[in-house]
């Protein structure tokens, strides 16, 4: 069993630190396929956070759970040089 080095609370605080700031979201779609898009985190809730994509034609999911960051499915990079959880 792999011991986690970061907790969900730490991820939640890091995402809240990027609230209402421009970020880059990188989603893993499986089999080495990724989607990267600019967005803004517009909602932080106890179990999930919501993302507002800058691209109007983006049809992907816009709500993600903190466990998706822990699993590596979602990566958030702040554009100001500060990383939320990269």
Protein backbone atom coordinates (compact mmCIF):
# COMPACT_ATOMS: atom_id res chain seq x y z
CA UNK A 1 0.00 0.00 0.00
CA UNK A 2 1.32 3.43 -0.93
CA UNK A 3 1.27 6.00 1.87
CA UNK A 4 -0.12 9.35 0.75
CA UNK A 5 2.30 12.25 1.14
CA UNK A 6 -0.37 14.93 0.84
CA UNK A 7 -3.84 15.08 2.34
CA UNK A 8 -7.15 16.18 0.89
CA UNK A 9 -7.12 19.19 3.25
CA UNK A 10 -3.81 20.39 1.81
CA UNK A 11 -5.17 20.01 -1.72
CA UNK A 12 -8.34 21.89 -0.75
CA UNK A 13 -6.29 24.76 0.69
CA UNK A 14 -4.09 24.89 -2.42
CA UNK A 15 -7.15 25.02 -4.70
CA UNK A 16 -8.69 27.74 -2.52
CA UNK A 17 -5.45 29.70 -2.94
CA UNK A 18 -6.12 29.74 -6.70
CA UNK A 19 -9.73 30.88 -6.30
CA UNK A 20 -10.75 33.53 -8.90
CA UNK A 21 -7.29 33.49 -10.48
CA UNK A 22 -6.32 32.41 -13.99
CA UNK A 23 -5.02 28.85 -14.00
CA UNK A 24 -4.16 26.16 -16.51
CA UNK A 25 -5.97 22.85 -16.11
CA UNK A 26 -4.47 19.63 -17.47
CA UNK A 27 -6.78 16.61 -17.59
CA UNK A 28 -5.63 13.06 -18.10
CA UNK A 29 -7.99 11.21 -20.41
CA UNK A 30 -6.15 7.91 -20.14
CA UNK A 31 -3.75 6.13 -22.51
CA UNK A 32 -1.37 9.10 -22.61
CA UNK A 33 -4.07 11.52 -23.80
CA UNK A 34 -4.27 14.95 -22.19
CA UNK A 35 -6.40 18.06 -22.56
CA UNK A 36 -4.97 21.39 -21.43
CA UNK A 37 -7.03 24.56 -21.25
CA UNK A 38 -6.97 27.96 -19.53
CA UNK A 39 -9.63 28.47 -16.88
CA UNK A 40 -10.62 30.19 -13.65
CA UNK A 41 -11.62 28.37 -10.46
CA UNK A 42 -14.98 29.90 -9.66
CA UNK A 43 -16.30 27.71 -6.84
CA UNK A 44 -14.66 25.90 -3.92
CA UNK A 45 -16.88 23.52 -1.95
CA UNK A 46 -16.17 20.89 0.74
CA UNK A 47 -16.14 17.95 -1.70
CA UNK A 48 -15.40 19.51 -5.09
CA UNK A 49 -14.42 22.64 -6.97
CA UNK A 50 -15.82 24.13 -10.16
CA UNK A 51 -13.89 25.52 -13.09
CA UNK A 52 -14.93 28.13 -15.65
CA UNK A 53 -13.08 27.41 -18.93
CA UNK A 54 -11.93 30.44 -20.93
CA UNK A 55 -12.78 28.64 -24.18
CA UNK A 56 -16.51 29.00 -24.93
CA UNK A 57 -16.49 25.85 -27.09
CA UNK A 58 -15.10 23.63 -24.30
CA UNK A 59 -17.59 20.83 -23.69
CA UNK A 60 -15.75 19.00 -20.92
CA UNK A 61 -16.64 18.50 -17.29
CA UNK A 62 -16.27 21.62 -15.18
CA UNK A 63 -16.55 20.23 -11.63
CA UNK A 64 -13.77 18.12 -10.15
CA UNK A 65 -13.20 16.46 -6.79
CA UNK A 66 -10.06 16.92 -4.74
CA UNK A 67 -9.33 13.20 -5.01
CA UNK A 68 -8.90 13.63 -8.78
CA UNK A 69 -5.92 15.86 -8.02
CA UNK A 70 -4.52 13.28 -5.58
CA UNK A 71 -4.89 10.54 -8.19
CA UNK A 72 -3.19 12.63 -10.86
CA UNK A 73 -6.17 12.91 -13.18
CA UNK A 74 -6.33 16.72 -12.80
CA UNK A 75 -3.36 19.09 -12.52
CA UNK A 76 -3.71 22.79 -11.77
CA UNK A 77 -1.01 25.33 -12.51
CA UNK A 78 -1.44 28.97 -11.54
CA UNK A 79 -0.46 31.41 -14.28
CA UNK A 80 1.11 33.89 -11.88
CA UNK A 81 3.95 31.48 -11.14
CA UNK A 82 2.36 30.09 -7.97
CA UNK A 83 1.30 26.49 -8.30
CA UNK A 84 -1.91 25.30 -6.71
CA UNK A 85 -1.07 21.65 -7.07
CA UNK A 86 0.98 20.76 -10.08
